Amino acid sequence: LADALRALGEALADTTGRRPDAEALHAALDREAAADAVLADLWAARS
């Protein structure tokens, strides 16, 4: 899956002209993890 995602990233870079480095990708993943943590909190507090 990592190889498939890397290939997808290259394809998207060809479309957008942007090739983010590892630091930018990690920063984006940090934001996604924070959003998923809030999602988990919402389910825990559902009642």
PDB file of all heavy atoms in Angstrom:
ATOM      1  N   LEU A   1       0.824  -1.201   0.000  1.00  0.00           N
ATOM      2  CA  LEU A   1       0.000   0.000   0.000  1.00  0.00           C
ATOM      3  C   LEU A   1       0.862   1.257   0.000  1.00  0.00           C
ATOM      4  O   LEU A   1       0.523   2.254  -0.652  1.00  0.00           O
ATOM      5  CB  LEU A   1      -0.941  -0.007   1.203  1.00  0.00           C
ATOM      6  CG  LEU A   1      -1.938   1.157   1.289  1.00  0.00           C
ATOM      7  CD1 LEU A   1      -2.754   1.286   0.004  1.00  0.00           C
ATOM      8  CD2 LEU A   1      -2.862   0.988   2.483  1.00  0.00           C
ATOM      9  N   ALA A   2       1.977   1.239   0.712  1.00  0.00           N
ATOM     10  CA  ALA A   2       2.873   2.397   0.707  1.00  0.00           C
ATOM     11  C   ALA A   2       3.376   2.685  -0.707  1.00  0.00           C
ATOM     12  O   ALA A   2       3.434   3.845  -1.143  1.00  0.00           O
ATOM     13  CB  ALA A   2       4.046   2.165   1.656  1.00  0.00           C
ATOM     14  N   ASP A   3       3.741   1.636  -1.436  1.00  0.00           N
ATOM     15  CA  ASP A   3       4.186   1.822  -2.822  1.00  0.00           C
ATOM     16  C   ASP A   3       3.058   2.361  -3.693  1.00  0.00           C
ATOM     17  O   ASP A   3       3.275   3.221  -4.551  1.00  0.00           O
ATOM     18  CB  ASP A   3       4.698   0.496  -3.398  1.00  0.00           C
ATOM     19  CG  ASP A   3       6.052   0.101  -2.825  1.00  0.00           C
ATOM     20  OD1 ASP A   3       6.742   0.974  -2.256  1.00  0.00           O
ATOM     21  OD2 ASP A   3       6.421  -1.090  -2.946  1.00  0.00           O
ATOM     22  N   ALA A   4       1.829   1.852  -3.477  1.00  0.00           N
ATOM     23  CA  ALA A   4       0.690   2.327  -4.259  1.00  0.00           C
ATOM     24  C   ALA A   4       0.398   3.796  -3.958  1.00  0.00           C
ATOM     25  O   ALA A   4       0.091   4.584  -4.868  1.00  0.00           O
ATOM     26  CB  ALA A   4      -0.539   1.466  -3.957  1.00  0.00           C
ATOM     27  N   LEU A   5       0.496   4.179  -2.687  1.00  0.00           N
ATOM     28  CA  LEU A   5       0.265   5.578  -2.315  1.00  0.00           C
ATOM     29  C   LEU A   5       1.356   6.482  -2.875  1.00  0.00           C
ATOM     30  O   LEU A   5       1.089   7.609  -3.312  1.00  0.00           O
ATOM     31  CB  LEU A   5       0.201   5.703  -0.796  1.00  0.00           C
ATOM     32  CG  LEU A   5      -1.013   5.061  -0.128  1.00  0.00           C
ATOM     33  CD1 LEU A   5      -0.828   5.045   1.387  1.00  0.00           C
ATOM     34  CD2 LEU A   5      -2.301   5.796  -0.489  1.00  0.00           C
ATOM     35  N   ARG A   6       2.587   6.000  -2.865  1.00  0.00           N
ATOM     36  CA  ARG A   6       3.701   6.782  -3.415  1.00  0.00           C
ATOM     37  C   ARG A   6       3.489   7.018  -4.917  1.00  0.00           C
ATOM     38  O   ARG A   6       3.696   8.137  -5.412  1.00  0.00           O
ATOM     39  CB  ARG A   6       5.021   6.054  -3.160  1.00  0.00           C
ATOM     40  CG  ARG A   6       6.263   6.875  -3.514  1.00  0.00           C
ATOM     41  CD  ARG A   6       7.531   6.125  -3.165  1.00  0.00           C
ATOM     42  NE  ARG A   6       7.704   5.987  -1.725  1.00  0.00           N
ATOM     43  CZ  ARG A   6       7.542   4.850  -1.056  1.00  0.00           C
ATOM     44  NH1 ARG A   6       7.189   3.741  -1.690  1.00  0.00           N
ATOM     45  NH2 ARG A   6       7.744   4.811   0.244  1.00  0.00           N
ATOM     46  N   ALA A   7       3.032   5.977  -5.624  1.00  0.00           N
ATOM     47  CA  ALA A   7       2.760   6.120  -7.055  1.00  0.00           C
ATOM     48  C   ALA A   7       1.605   7.090  -7.291  1.00  0.00           C
ATOM     49  O   ALA A   7       1.637   7.900  -8.228  1.00  0.00           O
ATOM     50  CB  ALA A   7       2.445   4.755  -7.657  1.00  0.00           C
ATOM     51  N   LEU A   8       0.578   7.022  -6.437  1.00  0.00           N
ATOM     52  CA  LEU A   8      -0.531   7.960  -6.550  1.00  0.00           C
ATOM     53  C   LEU A   8      -0.047   9.382  -6.311  1.00  0.00           C
ATOM     54  O   LEU A   8      -0.455  10.319  -7.017  1.00  0.00           O
ATOM     55  CB  LEU A   8      -1.629   7.591  -5.547  1.00  0.00           C
ATOM     56  CG  LEU A   8      -2.812   8.554  -5.455  1.00  0.00           C
ATOM     57  CD1 LEU A   8      -3.547   8.659  -6.785  1.00  0.00           C
ATOM     58  CD2 LEU A   8      -3.779   8.114  -4.352  1.00  0.00           C
ATOM     59  N   GLY A   9       0.832   9.553  -5.319  1.00  0.00           N
ATOM     60  CA  GLY A   9       1.377  10.877  -5.048  1.00  0.00           C
ATOM     61  C   GLY A   9       2.114  11.449  -6.241  1.00  0.00           C
ATOM     62  O   GLY A   9       1.998  12.643  -6.555  1.00  0.00           O
ATOM     63  N   GLU A  10       2.884  10.598  -6.928  1.00  0.00           N
ATOM     64  CA  GLU A  10       3.603  11.058  -8.119  1.00  0.00           C
ATOM     65  C   GLU A  10       2.630  11.455  -9.222  1.00  0.00           C
ATOM     66  O   GLU A  10       2.831  12.448  -9.922  1.00  0.00           O
ATOM     67  CB  GLU A  10       4.544   9.955  -8.610  1.00  0.00           C
ATOM     68  CG  GLU A  10       5.794   9.777  -7.770  1.00  0.00           C
ATOM     69  CD  GLU A  10       6.657  11.031  -7.771  1.00  0.00           C
ATOM     70  OE1 GLU A  10       6.872  11.617  -8.854  1.00  0.00           O
ATOM     71  OE2 GLU A  10       7.110  11.437  -6.678  1.00  0.00           O
ATOM     72  N   ALA A  11       1.562  10.670  -9.373  1.00  0.00           N
ATOM     73  CA  ALA A  11       0.566  10.990 -10.397  1.00  0.00           C
ATOM     74  C   ALA A  11      -0.131  12.308 -10.090  1.00  0.00           C
ATOM     75  O   ALA A  11      -0.373  13.123 -10.993  1.00  0.00           O
ATOM     76  CB  ALA A  11      -0.446   9.855 -10.507  1.00  0.00           C
ATOM     77  N   LEU A  12      -0.456  12.533  -8.822  1.00  0.00           N
ATOM     78  CA  LEU A  12      -1.084  13.795  -8.444  1.00  0.00           C
ATOM     79  C   LEU A  12      -0.125  14.963  -8.635  1.00  0.00           C
ATOM     80  O   LEU A  12      -0.532  16.066  -9.015  1.00  0.00           O
ATOM     81  CB  LEU A  12      -1.560  13.732  -6.989  1.00  0.00           C
ATOM     82  CG  LEU A  12      -2.672  12.724  -6.688  1.00  0.00           C
ATOM     83  CD1 LEU A  12      -3.017  12.754  -5.200  1.00  0.00           C
ATOM     84  CD2 LEU A  12      -3.914  13.004  -7.519  1.00  0.00           C
ATOM     85  N   ALA A  13       1.156  14.722  -8.372  1.00  0.00           N
ATOM     86  CA  ALA A  13       2.145  15.777  -8.572  1.00  0.00           C
ATOM     87  C   ALA A  13       2.241  16.165 -10.042  1.00  0.00           C
ATOM     88  O   ALA A  13       2.413  17.335 -10.389  1.00  0.00           O
ATOM     89  CB  ALA A  13       3.507  15.313  -8.052  1.00  0.00           C
ATOM     90  N   ASP A  14       2.111  15.172 -10.928  1.00  0.00           N
ATOM     91  CA  ASP A  14       2.133  15.477 -12.359  1.00  0.00           C
ATOM     92  C   ASP A  14       0.939  16.339 -12.745  1.00  0.00           C
ATOM     93  O   ASP A  14       1.027  17.178 -13.652  1.00  0.00           O
ATOM     94  CB  ASP A  14       2.113  14.174 -13.169  1.00  0.00           C
ATOM     95  CG  ASP A  14       3.412  13.394 -13.035  1.00  0.00           C
ATOM     96  OD1 ASP A  14       4.430  14.012 -12.676  1.00  0.00           O
ATOM     97  OD2 ASP A  14       3.388  12.176 -13.300  1.00  0.00           O
ATOM     98  N   THR A  15      -0.196  16.146 -12.063  1.00  0.00           N
ATOM     99  CA  THR A  15      -1.408  16.907 -12.364  1.00  0.00           C
ATOM    100  C   THR A  15      -1.348  18.314 -11.792  1.00  0.00           C
ATOM    101  O   THR A  15      -1.720  19.285 -12.461  1.00  0.00           O
ATOM    102  CB  THR A  15      -2.656  16.181 -11.812  1.00  0.00           C
ATOM    103  OG1 THR A  15      -2.775  14.902 -12.437  1.00  0.00           O
ATOM    104  CG2 THR A  15      -3.920  16.990 -12.049  1.00  0.00           C
ATOM    105  N   THR A  16      -0.876  18.436 -10.554  1.00  0.00           N
ATOM    106  CA  THR A  16      -0.927  19.730  -9.862  1.00  0.00           C
ATOM    107  C   THR A  16       0.358  20.535  -9.960  1.00  0.00           C
ATOM    108  O   THR A  16       0.358  21.731  -9.681  1.00  0.00           O
ATOM    109  CB  THR A  16      -1.241  19.511  -8.372  1.00  0.00           C
ATOM    110  OG1 THR A  16      -0.148  18.792  -7.763  1.00  0.00           O
ATOM    111  CG2 THR A  16      -2.523  18.706  -8.199  1.00  0.00           C
ATOM    112  N   GLY A  17       1.451  19.867 -10.298  1.00  0.00           N
ATOM    113  CA  GLY A  17       2.738  20.553 -10.329  1.00  0.00           C
ATOM    114  C   GLY A  17       3.352  20.748  -8.962  1.00  0.00           C
ATOM    115  O   GLY A  17       4.350  21.464  -8.817  1.00  0.00           O
ATOM    116  N   ARG A  18       2.817  20.115  -7.936  1.00  0.00           N
ATOM    117  CA  ARG A  18       3.331  20.224  -6.567  1.00  0.00           C
ATOM    118  C   ARG A  18       3.873  18.875  -6.120  1.00  0.00           C
ATOM    119  O   ARG A  18       3.185  17.862  -6.246  1.00  0.00           O
ATOM    120  CB  ARG A  18       2.230  20.664  -5.603  1.00  0.00           C
ATOM    121  CG  ARG A  18       1.686  22.061  -5.846  1.00  0.00           C
ATOM    122  CD  ARG A  18       0.418  22.256  -5.036  1.00  0.00           C
ATOM    123  NE  ARG A  18      -0.111  23.605  -5.142  1.00  0.00           N
ATOM    124  CZ  ARG A  18       0.057  24.557  -4.240  1.00  0.00           C
ATOM    125  NH1 ARG A  18       0.749  24.303  -3.141  1.00  0.00           N
ATOM    126  NH2 ARG A  18      -0.450  25.756  -4.406  1.00  0.00           N
ATOM    127  N   ARG A  19       5.065  18.879  -5.582  1.00  0.00           N
ATOM    128  CA  ARG A  19       5.655  17.658  -5.036  1.00  0.00           C
ATOM    129  C   ARG A  19       6.063  17.914  -3.586  1.00  0.00           C
ATOM    130  O   ARG A  19       7.184  18.324  -3.301  1.00  0.00           O
ATOM    131  CB  ARG A  19       6.862  17.216  -5.865  1.00  0.00           C
ATOM    132  CG  ARG A  19       6.479  16.482  -7.135  1.00  0.00           C
ATOM    133  CD  ARG A  19       7.676  15.970  -7.916  1.00  0.00           C
ATOM    134  NE  ARG A  19       7.266  15.005  -8.909  1.00  0.00           N
ATOM    135  CZ  ARG A  19       6.676  15.316 -10.074  1.00  0.00           C
ATOM    136  NH1 ARG A  19       6.458  16.597 -10.358  1.00  0.00           N
ATOM    137  NH2 ARG A  19       6.315  14.378 -10.918  1.00  0.00           N
ATOM    138  N   PRO A  20       5.145  17.706  -2.656  1.00  0.00           N
ATOM    139  CA  PRO A  20       5.441  17.994  -1.247  1.00  0.00           C
ATOM    140  C   PRO A  20       6.536  17.085  -0.722  1.00  0.00           C
ATOM    141  O   PRO A  20       6.634  15.906  -1.101  1.00  0.00           O
ATOM    142  CB  PRO A  20       4.096  17.719  -0.553  1.00  0.00           C
ATOM    143  CG  PRO A  20       3.374  16.786  -1.465  1.00  0.00           C
ATOM    144  CD  PRO A  20       3.781  17.177  -2.848  1.00  0.00           C
ATOM    145  N   ASP A  21       7.347  17.629   0.172  1.00  0.00           N
ATOM    146  CA  ASP A  21       8.405  16.832   0.768  1.00  0.00           C
ATOM    147  C   ASP A  21       7.861  16.063   1.975  1.00  0.00           C
ATOM    148  O   ASP A  21       6.683  16.199   2.356  1.00  0.00           O
ATOM    149  CB  ASP A  21       9.601  17.698   1.166  1.00  0.00           C
ATOM    150  CG  ASP A  21       9.236  18.821   2.137  1.00  0.00           C
ATOM    151  OD1 ASP A  21       8.163  18.731   2.785  1.00  0.00           O
ATOM    152  OD2 ASP A  21      10.017  19.779   2.254  1.00  0.00           O
ATOM    153  N   ALA A  22       8.725  15.262   2.591  1.00  0.00           N
ATOM    154  CA  ALA A  22       8.299  14.419   3.713  1.00  0.00           C
ATOM    155  C   ALA A  22       7.783  15.257   4.874  1.00  0.00           C
ATOM    156  O   ALA A  22       6.810  14.871   5.540  1.00  0.00           O
ATOM    157  CB  ALA A  22       9.455  13.535   4.166  1.00  0.00           C
ATOM    158  N   GLU A  23       8.399  16.406   5.127  1.00  0.00           N
ATOM    159  CA  GLU A  23       7.962  17.248   6.236  1.00  0.00           C
ATOM    160  C   GLU A  23       6.532  17.730   6.036  1.00  0.00           C
ATOM    161  O   GLU A  23       5.711  17.699   6.963  1.00  0.00           O
ATOM    162  CB  GLU A  23       8.901  18.449   6.368  1.00  0.00           C
ATOM    163  CG  GLU A  23       8.547  19.370   7.533  1.00  0.00           C
ATOM    164  CD  GLU A  23       9.487  20.552   7.656  1.00  0.00           C
ATOM    165  OE1 GLU A  23      10.431  20.651   6.846  1.00  0.00           O
ATOM    166  OE2 GLU A  23       9.274  21.380   8.574  1.00  0.00           O
ATOM    167  N   ALA A  24       6.201  18.159   4.806  1.00  0.00           N
ATOM    168  CA  ALA A  24       4.844  18.626   4.517  1.00  0.00           C
ATOM    169  C   ALA A  24       3.837  17.482   4.624  1.00  0.00           C
ATOM    170  O   ALA A  24       2.726  17.665   5.130  1.00  0.00           O
ATOM    171  CB  ALA A  24       4.788  19.251   3.125  1.00  0.00           C
ATOM    172  N   LEU A  25       4.226  16.305   4.178  1.00  0.00           N
ATOM    173  CA  LEU A  25       3.324  15.152   4.257  1.00  0.00           C
ATOM    174  C   LEU A  25       3.067  14.760   5.709  1.00  0.00           C
ATOM    175  O   LEU A  25       1.927  14.454   6.089  1.00  0.00           O
ATOM    176  CB  LEU A  25       3.911  13.978   3.475  1.00  0.00           C
ATOM    177  CG  LEU A  25       3.952  14.149   1.951  1.00  0.00           C
ATOM    178  CD1 LEU A  25       4.734  13.004   1.313  1.00  0.00           C
ATOM    179  CD2 LEU A  25       2.548  14.225   1.365  1.00  0.00           C
ATOM    180  N   HIS A  26       4.110  14.756   6.519  1.00  0.00           N
ATOM    181  CA  HIS A  26       3.924  14.431   7.937  1.00  0.00           C
ATOM    182  C   HIS A  26       3.042  15.463   8.632  1.00  0.00           C
ATOM    183  O   HIS A  26       2.206  15.119   9.486  1.00  0.00           O
ATOM    184  CB  HIS A  26       5.274  14.334   8.640  1.00  0.00           C
ATOM    185  CG  HIS A  26       5.949  13.009   8.470  1.00  0.00           C
ATOM    186  ND1 HIS A  26       5.367  11.814   8.847  1.00  0.00           N
ATOM    187  CD2 HIS A  26       7.181  12.691   7.966  1.00  0.00           C
ATOM    188  CE1 HIS A  26       6.200  10.810   8.591  1.00  0.00           C
ATOM    189  NE2 HIS A  26       7.287  11.315   8.052  1.00  0.00           N
ATOM    190  N   ALA A  27       3.222  16.732   8.285  1.00  0.00           N
ATOM    191  CA  ALA A  27       2.384  17.778   8.892  1.00  0.00           C
ATOM    192  C   ALA A  27       0.917  17.549   8.539  1.00  0.00           C
ATOM    193  O   ALA A  27       0.025  17.718   9.386  1.00  0.00           O
ATOM    194  CB  ALA A  27       2.841  19.153   8.422  1.00  0.00           C
ATOM    195  N   ALA A  28       0.656  17.156   7.296  1.00  0.00           N
ATOM    196  CA  ALA A  28      -0.710  16.871   6.884  1.00  0.00           C
ATOM    197  C   ALA A  28      -1.267  15.665   7.636  1.00  0.00           C
ATOM    198  O   ALA A  28      -2.424  15.665   8.075  1.00  0.00           O
ATOM    199  CB  ALA A  28      -0.765  16.625   5.375  1.00  0.00           C
ATOM    200  N   LEU A  29      -0.455  14.632   7.815  1.00  0.00           N
ATOM    201  CA  LEU A  29      -0.897  13.449   8.545  1.00  0.00           C
ATOM    202  C   LEU A  29      -1.147  13.768  10.018  1.00  0.00           C
ATOM    203  O   LEU A  29      -2.041  13.189  10.645  1.00  0.00           O
ATOM    204  CB  LEU A  29       0.135  12.332   8.403  1.00  0.00           C
ATOM    205  CG  LEU A  29       0.195  11.678   7.018  1.00  0.00           C
ATOM    206  CD1 LEU A  29       1.374  10.725   6.925  1.00  0.00           C
ATOM    207  CD2 LEU A  29      -1.101  10.939   6.722  1.00  0.00           C
ATOM    208  N   ASP A  30      -0.377  14.682  10.573  1.00  0.00           N
ATOM    209  CA  ASP A  30      -0.626  15.114  11.954  1.00  0.00           C
ATOM    210  C   ASP A  30      -2.005  15.759  12.071  1.00  0.00           C
ATOM    211  O   ASP A  30      -2.738  15.535  13.047  1.00  0.00           O
ATOM    212  CB  ASP A  30       0.445  16.119  12.405  1.00  0.00           C
ATOM    213  CG  ASP A  30       1.795  15.461  12.635  1.00  0.00           C
ATOM    214  OD1 ASP A  30       1.855  14.226  12.794  1.00  0.00           O
ATOM    215  OD2 ASP A  30       2.805  16.198  12.655  1.00  0.00           O
ATOM    216  N   ARG A  31      -2.368  16.580  11.085  1.00  0.00           N
ATOM    217  CA  ARG A  31      -3.679  17.229  11.109  1.00  0.00           C
ATOM    218  C   ARG A  31      -4.798  16.199  10.962  1.00  0.00           C
ATOM    219  O   ARG A  31      -5.840  16.296  11.617  1.00  0.00           O
ATOM    220  CB  ARG A  31      -3.763  18.280  10.004  1.00  0.00           C
ATOM    221  CG  ARG A  31      -2.854  19.483  10.213  1.00  0.00           C
ATOM    222  CD  ARG A  31      -3.191  20.611   9.258  1.00  0.00           C
ATOM    223  NE  ARG A  31      -2.912  20.263   7.873  1.00  0.00           N
ATOM    224  CZ  ARG A  31      -1.733  20.434   7.274  1.00  0.00           C
ATOM    225  NH1 ARG A  31      -0.710  20.937   7.956  1.00  0.00           N
ATOM    226  NH2 ARG A  31      -1.568  20.130   6.008  1.00  0.00           N
ATOM    227  N   GLU A  32      -4.590  15.207  10.098  1.00  0.00           N
ATOM    228  CA  GLU A  32      -5.604  14.158   9.933  1.00  0.00           C
ATOM    229  C   GLU A  32      -5.760  13.348  11.222  1.00  0.00           C
ATOM    230  O   GLU A  32      -6.880  12.987  11.615  1.00  0.00           O
ATOM    231  CB  GLU A  32      -5.222  13.235   8.776  1.00  0.00           C
ATOM    232  CG  GLU A  32      -5.148  13.905   7.419  1.00  0.00           C
ATOM    233  CD  GLU A  32      -6.473  14.488   6.965  1.00  0.00           C
ATOM    234  OE1 GLU A  32      -7.534  13.952   7.357  1.00  0.00           O
ATOM    235  OE2 GLU A  32      -6.455  15.499   6.231  1.00  0.00           O
ATOM    236  N   ALA A  33      -4.656  13.062  11.895  1.00  0.00           N
ATOM    237  CA  ALA A  33      -4.731  12.320  13.158  1.00  0.00           C
ATOM    238  C   ALA A  33      -5.482  13.118  14.216  1.00  0.00           C
ATOM    239  O   ALA A  33      -6.262  12.560  15.000  1.00  0.00           O
ATOM    240  CB  ALA A  33      -3.321  11.978  13.648  1.00  0.00           C
ATOM    241  N   ALA A  34      -5.265  14.439  14.251  1.00  0.00           N
ATOM    242  CA  ALA A  34      -5.984  15.280  15.213  1.00  0.00           C
ATOM    243  C   ALA A  34      -7.487  15.259  14.924  1.00  0.00           C
ATOM    244  O   ALA A  34      -8.307  15.201  15.851  1.00  0.00           O
ATOM    245  CB  ALA A  34      -5.448  16.712  15.148  1.00  0.00           C
ATOM    246  N   ALA A  35      -7.854  15.286  13.642  1.00  0.00           N
ATOM    247  CA  ALA A  35      -9.269  15.236  13.277  1.00  0.00           C
ATOM    248  C   ALA A  35      -9.875  13.891  13.648  1.00  0.00           C
ATOM    249  O   ALA A  35     -11.011  13.814  14.148  1.00  0.00           O
ATOM    250  CB  ALA A  35      -9.439  15.500  11.781  1.00  0.00           C
ATOM    251  N   ASP A  36      -9.142  12.811  13.440  1.00  0.00           N
ATOM    252  CA  ASP A  36      -9.659  11.487  13.797  1.00  0.00           C
ATOM    253  C   ASP A  36      -9.803  11.335  15.312  1.00  0.00           C
ATOM    254  O   ASP A  36     -10.699  10.634  15.791  1.00  0.00           O
ATOM    255  CB  ASP A  36      -8.748  10.394  13.238  1.00  0.00           C
ATOM    256  CG  ASP A  36      -8.938  10.210  11.737  1.00  0.00           C
ATOM    257  OD1 ASP A  36      -9.956  10.672  11.208  1.00  0.00           O
ATOM    258  OD2 ASP A  36      -8.061   9.606  11.094  1.00  0.00           O
ATOM    259  N   ALA A  37      -8.921  11.977  16.064  1.00  0.00           N
ATOM    260  CA  ALA A  37      -9.038  11.937  17.526  1.00  0.00           C
ATOM    261  C   ALA A  37     -10.322  12.634  17.980  1.00  0.00           C
ATOM    262  O   ALA A  37     -11.018  12.158  18.887  1.00  0.00           O
ATOM    263  CB  ALA A  37      -7.816  12.594  18.169  1.00  0.00           C
ATOM    264  N   VAL A  38     -10.651  13.768  17.353  1.00  0.00           N
ATOM    265  CA  VAL A  38     -11.898  14.457  17.682  1.00  0.00           C
ATOM    266  C   VAL A  38     -13.093  13.607  17.273  1.00  0.00           C
ATOM    267  O   VAL A  38     -14.105  13.531  17.993  1.00  0.00           O
ATOM    268  CB  VAL A  38     -11.948  15.839  16.992  1.00  0.00           C
ATOM    269  CG1 VAL A  38     -13.339  16.466  17.113  1.00  0.00           C
ATOM    270  CG2 VAL A  38     -10.904  16.765  17.604  1.00  0.00           C
ATOM    271  N   LEU A  39     -13.000  12.933  16.127  1.00  0.00           N
ATOM    272  CA  LEU A  39     -14.074  12.044  15.690  1.00  0.00           C
ATOM    273  C   LEU A  39     -14.319  10.940  16.721  1.00  0.00           C
ATOM    274  O   LEU A  39     -15.461  10.627  17.064  1.00  0.00           O
ATOM    275  CB  LEU A  39     -13.723  11.440  14.336  1.00  0.00           C
ATOM    276  CG  LEU A  39     -14.761  10.517  13.697  1.00  0.00           C
ATOM    277  CD1 LEU A  39     -16.054  11.265  13.426  1.00  0.00           C
ATOM    278  CD2 LEU A  39     -14.206   9.914  12.409  1.00  0.00           C
ATOM    279  N   ALA A  40     -13.243  10.367  17.239  1.00  0.00           N
ATOM    280  CA  ALA A  40     -13.376   9.334  18.274  1.00  0.00           C
ATOM    281  C   ALA A  40     -14.016   9.909  19.539  1.00  0.00           C
ATOM    282  O   ALA A  40     -14.847   9.257  20.181  1.00  0.00           O
ATOM    283  CB  ALA A  40     -12.005   8.741  18.594  1.00  0.00           C
ATOM    284  N   ASP A  41     -13.644  11.142  19.903  1.00  0.00           N
ATOM    285  CA  ASP A  41     -14.235  11.781  21.083  1.00  0.00           C
ATOM    286  C   ASP A  41     -15.732  12.006  20.892  1.00  0.00           C
ATOM    287  O   ASP A  41     -16.517  11.875  21.845  1.00  0.00           O
ATOM    288  CB  ASP A  41     -13.541  13.114  21.365  1.00  0.00           C
ATOM    289  CG  ASP A  41     -12.123  12.950  21.880  1.00  0.00           C
ATOM    290  OD1 ASP A  41     -11.786  11.848  22.348  1.00  0.00           O
ATOM    291  OD2 ASP A  41     -11.351  13.927  21.810  1.00  0.00           O
ATOM    292  N   LEU A  42     -16.147  12.369  19.679  1.00  0.00           N
ATOM    293  CA  LEU A  42     -17.560  12.583  19.412  1.00  0.00           C
ATOM    294  C   LEU A  42     -18.350  11.296  19.608  1.00  0.00           C
ATOM    295  O   LEU A  42     -19.435  11.298  20.200  1.00  0.00           O
ATOM    296  CB  LEU A  42     -17.760  13.107  17.990  1.00  0.00           C
ATOM    297  CG  LEU A  42     -17.353  14.571  17.755  1.00  0.00           C
ATOM    298  CD1 LEU A  42     -17.329  14.891  16.261  1.00  0.00           C
ATOM    299  CD2 LEU A  42     -18.309  15.527  18.477  1.00  0.00           C
ATOM    300  N   TRP A  43     -17.807  10.186  19.140  1.00  0.00           N
ATOM    301  CA  TRP A  43     -18.508   8.922  19.334  1.00  0.00           C
ATOM    302  C   TRP A  43     -18.533   8.519  20.808  1.00  0.00           C
ATOM    303  O   TRP A  43     -19.529   8.007  21.306  1.00  0.00           O
ATOM    304  CB  TRP A  43     -17.877   7.820  18.479  1.00  0.00           C
ATOM    305  CG  TRP A  43     -18.404   7.835  17.082  1.00  0.00           C
ATOM    306  CD1 TRP A  43     -17.755   8.185  15.933  1.00  0.00           C
ATOM    307  CD2 TRP A  43     -19.743   7.506  16.688  1.00  0.00           C
ATOM    308  NE1 TRP A  43     -18.590   8.104  14.860  1.00  0.00           N
ATOM    309  CE2 TRP A  43     -19.811   7.686  15.287  1.00  0.00           C
ATOM    310  CE3 TRP A  43     -20.884   7.091  17.368  1.00  0.00           C
ATOM    311  CZ2 TRP A  43     -20.984   7.446  14.563  1.00  0.00           C
ATOM    312  CZ3 TRP A  43     -22.052   6.855  16.656  1.00  0.00           C
ATOM    313  CH2 TRP A  43     -22.101   7.028  15.272  1.00  0.00           C
ATOM    314  N   ALA A  44     -17.443   8.780  21.511  1.00  0.00           N
ATOM    315  CA  ALA A  44     -17.405   8.438  22.938  1.00  0.00           C
ATOM    316  C   ALA A  44     -18.425   9.249  23.729  1.00  0.00           C
ATOM    317  O   ALA A  44     -18.965   8.779  24.740  1.00  0.00           O
ATOM    318  CB  ALA A  44     -16.002   8.664  23.493  1.00  0.00           C
ATOM    319  N   ALA A  45     -18.706  10.476  23.255  1.00  0.00           N
ATOM    320  CA  ALA A  45     -19.637  11.361  23.966  1.00  0.00           C
ATOM    321  C   ALA A  45     -21.044  11.329  23.385  1.00  0.00           C
ATOM    322  O   ALA A  45     -21.889  12.135  23.759  1.00  0.00           O
ATOM    323  CB  ALA A  45     -19.115  12.801  23.917  1.00  0.00           C
ATOM    324  N   ARG A  46     -21.311  10.390  22.497  1.00  0.00           N
ATOM    325  CA  ARG A  46     -22.579  10.416  21.753  1.00  0.00           C
ATOM    326  C   ARG A  46     -23.809  10.551  22.654  1.00  0.00           C
ATOM    327  O   ARG A  46     -24.698  11.365  22.397  1.00  0.00           O
ATOM    328  CB  ARG A  46     -22.714   9.129  20.909  1.00  0.00           C
ATOM    329  CG  ARG A  46     -24.094   8.963  20.227  1.00  0.00           C
ATOM    330  CD  ARG A  46     -24.360  10.099  19.258  1.00  0.00           C
ATOM    331  NE  ARG A  46     -25.707  10.090  18.690  1.00  0.00           N
ATOM    332  CZ  ARG A  46     -26.612  11.009  18.929  1.00  0.00           C
ATOM    333  NH1 ARG A  46     -26.367  11.994  19.794  1.00  0.00           N
ATOM    334  NH2 ARG A  46     -27.794  10.973  18.331  1.00  0.00           N
ATOM    335  N   SER A  47     -23.890   9.773  23.703  1.00  0.00           N
ATOM    336  CA  SER A  47     -25.091   9.767  24.544  1.00  0.00           C
ATOM    337  C   SER A  47     -25.317  11.098  25.249  1.00  0.00           C
ATOM    338  O   SER A  47     -26.434  11.395  25.687  1.00  0.00           O
ATOM    339  CB  SER A  47     -24.998   8.648  25.585  1.00  0.00           C
ATOM    340  OG  SER A  47     -24.958   7.386  24.957  1.00  0.00           O
TER     341      SER A  47
END
